[in-house]
């Protein structure tokens, strides 16, 4: 799947681009495609807020981790400041995704090894 990026300011795949792909490839109307993308991400967020892991087969796992409070410092002034406890989302790519990314790099590796 090749995705072109219209904007020079970001090289990221956007929700709007995902909706456009659903419109072009599956034939959903634009409104349905946008609603489907929004519902997909809403479902992921809702599960993470509830403290549940989200596992997408062949892609990876999103997990909630609780970080304990810790001492920190203002890098500009050096002043000690407390950093409160917080929840963070972590993502771990599946082996399948990691392998696909490495396979795409293989032709580049062979170019460098010949030199």
C-alpha atoms as a PDB file:
ATOM      1  CA  UNK A   1       0.000   0.000   0.000  1.00  0.00           C
ATOM      2  CA  UNK A   2       1.578   3.256  -1.099  1.00  0.00           C
ATOM      3  CA  UNK A   3       0.361   6.479   0.468  1.00  0.00           C
ATOM      4  CA  UNK A   4       1.251   9.871  -0.898  1.00  0.00           C
ATOM      5  CA  UNK A   5       1.661  12.813   1.414  1.00  0.00           C
ATOM      6  CA  UNK A   6       0.056  16.038   0.216  1.00  0.00           C
ATOM      7  CA  UNK A   7       1.536  18.303   2.852  1.00  0.00           C
ATOM      8  CA  UNK A   8       5.220  19.129   3.084  1.00  0.00           C
ATOM      9  CA  UNK A   9       4.951  20.138   6.730  1.00  0.00           C
ATOM     10  CA  UNK A  10       4.153  16.624   7.966  1.00  0.00           C
ATOM     11  CA  UNK A  11       5.164  13.183   6.774  1.00  0.00           C
ATOM     12  CA  UNK A  12       2.578  11.525   9.028  1.00  0.00           C
ATOM     13  CA  UNK A  13      -0.402   9.466   7.961  1.00  0.00           C
ATOM     14  CA  UNK A  14      -3.477  11.403   9.091  1.00  0.00           C
ATOM     15  CA  UNK A  15      -7.000  10.349  10.000  1.00  0.00           C
ATOM     16  CA  UNK A  16      -8.216  12.291   6.957  1.00  0.00           C
ATOM     17  CA  UNK A  17      -5.898  10.247   4.720  1.00  0.00           C
ATOM     18  CA  UNK A  18      -7.154   7.006   6.292  1.00  0.00           C
ATOM     19  CA  UNK A  19     -10.744   8.074   5.602  1.00  0.00           C
ATOM     20  CA  UNK A  20      -9.799   8.934   2.019  1.00  0.00           C
ATOM     21  CA  UNK A  21      -8.286   5.461   1.560  1.00  0.00           C
ATOM     22  CA  UNK A  22     -11.515   3.851   2.837  1.00  0.00           C
ATOM     23  CA  UNK A  23     -13.456   6.005   0.386  1.00  0.00           C
ATOM     24  CA  UNK A  24     -11.223   5.070  -2.567  1.00  0.00           C
ATOM     25  CA  UNK A  25     -10.567   1.387  -1.888  1.00  0.00           C
ATOM     26  CA  UNK A  26     -13.717   0.142  -0.194  1.00  0.00           C
ATOM     27  CA  UNK A  27     -16.277   2.482  -1.690  1.00  0.00           C
ATOM     28  CA  UNK A  28     -17.677   3.956   1.506  1.00  0.00           C
ATOM     29  CA  UNK A  29     -18.963   7.470   1.093  1.00  0.00           C
ATOM     30  CA  UNK A  30     -16.721  10.132   2.608  1.00  0.00           C
ATOM     31  CA  UNK A  31     -18.926  10.672   5.649  1.00  0.00           C
ATOM     32  CA  UNK A  32     -19.070   6.941   6.434  1.00  0.00           C
ATOM     33  CA  UNK A  33     -15.306   6.629   5.993  1.00  0.00           C
ATOM     34  CA  UNK A  34     -14.631   9.539   8.358  1.00  0.00           C
ATOM     35  CA  UNK A  35     -17.090   8.160  10.919  1.00  0.00           C
ATOM     36  CA  UNK A  36     -15.487   4.709  10.725  1.00  0.00           C
ATOM     37  CA  UNK A  37     -11.971   6.068  11.310  1.00  0.00           C
ATOM     38  CA  UNK A  38     -13.209   8.230  14.199  1.00  0.00           C
ATOM     39  CA  UNK A  39     -15.081   5.286  15.747  1.00  0.00           C
ATOM     40  CA  UNK A  40     -12.007   3.061  15.465  1.00  0.00           C
ATOM     41  CA  UNK A  41      -9.770   5.486  17.347  1.00  0.00           C
ATOM     42  CA  UNK A  42     -12.517   6.310  19.852  1.00  0.00           C
ATOM     43  CA  UNK A  43     -12.818   2.630  20.685  1.00  0.00           C
ATOM     44  CA  UNK A  44      -9.056   2.357  21.265  1.00  0.00           C
ATOM     45  CA  UNK A  45      -9.035   5.467  23.470  1.00  0.00           C
ATOM     46  CA  UNK A  46     -12.044   4.281  25.494  1.00  0.00           C
ATOM     47  CA  UNK A  47     -10.386   0.929  26.227  1.00  0.00           C
ATOM     48  CA  UNK A  48      -7.122   2.609  27.240  1.00  0.00           C
ATOM     49  CA  UNK A  49      -8.964   5.041  29.543  1.00  0.00           C
ATOM     50  CA  UNK A  50     -10.597   2.023  31.215  1.00  0.00           C
ATOM     51  CA  UNK A  51      -7.113   0.583  31.794  1.00  0.00           C
ATOM     52  CA  UNK A  52      -7.482  -2.205  29.224  1.00  0.00           C
ATOM     53  CA  UNK A  53      -4.699  -3.144  26.822  1.00  0.00           C
ATOM     54  CA  UNK A  54      -5.445  -2.913  23.099  1.00  0.00           C
ATOM     55  CA  UNK A  55      -3.962  -5.674  20.942  1.00  0.00           C
ATOM     56  CA  UNK A  56      -4.103  -5.405  17.169  1.00  0.00           C
ATOM     57  CA  UNK A  57      -2.947  -8.670  15.618  1.00  0.00           C
ATOM     58  CA  UNK A  58      -0.026  -8.223  13.242  1.00  0.00           C
ATOM     59  CA  UNK A  59       0.449  -4.600  14.297  1.00  0.00           C
ATOM     60  CA  UNK A  60       1.146  -4.295  18.015  1.00  0.00           C
ATOM     61  CA  UNK A  61      -0.080  -3.621  21.541  1.00  0.00           C
ATOM     62  CA  UNK A  62      -1.067  -0.386  23.244  1.00  0.00           C
ATOM     63  CA  UNK A  63      -0.756  -0.539  27.021  1.00  0.00           C
ATOM     64  CA  UNK A  64      -1.438   1.828  29.899  1.00  0.00           C
ATOM     65  CA  UNK A  65       1.381   2.180  32.384  1.00  0.00           C
ATOM     66  CA  UNK A  66       1.173   4.082  35.671  1.00  0.00           C
ATOM     67  CA  UNK A  67       4.290   6.075  36.463  1.00  0.00           C
ATOM     68  CA  UNK A  68       5.026   6.832  40.094  1.00  0.00           C
ATOM     69  CA  UNK A  69       5.656  10.372  41.312  1.00  0.00           C
ATOM     70  CA  UNK A  70       9.310  11.350  41.188  1.00  0.00           C
ATOM     71  CA  UNK A  71      11.570  14.289  41.769  1.00  0.00           C
ATOM     72  CA  UNK A  72      12.495  16.355  38.727  1.00  0.00           C
ATOM     73  CA  UNK A  73      14.145  19.633  37.946  1.00  0.00           C
ATOM     74  CA  UNK A  74      13.592  22.621  35.729  1.00  0.00           C
ATOM     75  CA  UNK A  75      16.402  22.342  33.132  1.00  0.00           C
ATOM     76  CA  UNK A  76      16.570  26.112  32.699  1.00  0.00           C
ATOM     77  CA  UNK A  77      16.865  27.077  36.371  1.00  0.00           C
ATOM     78  CA  UNK A  78      17.957  23.813  37.994  1.00  0.00           C
ATOM     79  CA  UNK A  79      15.120  24.229  40.506  1.00  0.00           C
ATOM     80  CA  UNK A  80      13.805  20.958  41.963  1.00  0.00           C
ATOM     81  CA  UNK A  81      10.160  20.328  41.097  1.00  0.00           C
ATOM     82  CA  UNK A  82       7.992  17.312  41.890  1.00  0.00           C
ATOM     83  CA  UNK A  83       6.594  15.333  38.971  1.00  0.00           C
ATOM     84  CA  UNK A  84       3.248  13.813  39.886  1.00  0.00           C
ATOM     85  CA  UNK A  85       2.030  10.295  39.248  1.00  0.00           C
ATOM     86  CA  UNK A  86       0.568   9.842  35.783  1.00  0.00           C
ATOM     87  CA  UNK A  87      -0.650   7.283  33.313  1.00  0.00           C
ATOM     88  CA  UNK A  88       1.104   6.922  29.982  1.00  0.00           C
ATOM     89  CA  UNK A  89       0.385   4.920  26.847  1.00  0.00           C
ATOM     90  CA  UNK A  90       3.108   2.667  25.509  1.00  0.00           C
ATOM     91  CA  UNK A  91       3.172   0.916  22.145  1.00  0.00           C
ATOM     92  CA  UNK A  92       5.028  -2.284  21.381  1.00  0.00           C
ATOM     93  CA  UNK A  93       5.185  -3.307  17.737  1.00  0.00           C
ATOM     94  CA  UNK A  94       4.409  -6.949  16.919  1.00  0.00           C
ATOM     95  CA  UNK A  95       7.114  -9.208  15.522  1.00  0.00           C
ATOM     96  CA  UNK A  96       5.218  -9.288  12.229  1.00  0.00           C
ATOM     97  CA  UNK A  97       5.340  -5.469  11.958  1.00  0.00           C
ATOM     98  CA  UNK A  98       9.009  -5.382  12.953  1.00  0.00           C
ATOM     99  CA  UNK A  99       9.822  -8.020  10.327  1.00  0.00           C
ATOM    100  CA  UNK A 100       7.949  -6.084   7.616  1.00  0.00           C
ATOM    101  CA  UNK A 101       9.853  -2.916   8.484  1.00  0.00           C
ATOM    102  CA  UNK A 102      13.175  -4.761   8.391  1.00  0.00           C
ATOM    103  CA  UNK A 103      12.291  -6.479   5.081  1.00  0.00           C
ATOM    104  CA  UNK A 104      11.727  -3.056   3.509  1.00  0.00           C
ATOM    105  CA  UNK A 105      15.235  -2.071   4.639  1.00  0.00           C
ATOM    106  CA  UNK A 106      16.957  -5.156   3.159  1.00  0.00           C
ATOM    107  CA  UNK A 107      17.498  -3.697  -0.371  1.00  0.00           C
ATOM    108  CA  UNK A 108      19.091  -0.616   1.198  1.00  0.00           C
ATOM    109  CA  UNK A 109      21.416  -2.781   3.303  1.00  0.00           C
ATOM    110  CA  UNK A 110      22.687  -4.615   0.206  1.00  0.00           C
ATOM    111  CA  UNK A 111      23.546  -1.298  -1.467  1.00  0.00           C
ATOM    112  CA  UNK A 112      25.776  -0.363   1.463  1.00  0.00           C
ATOM    113  CA  UNK A 113      27.403  -3.769   1.803  1.00  0.00           C
ATOM    114  CA  UNK A 114      28.649  -3.657  -1.835  1.00  0.00           C
ATOM    115  CA  UNK A 115      30.632  -0.466  -1.217  1.00  0.00           C
END
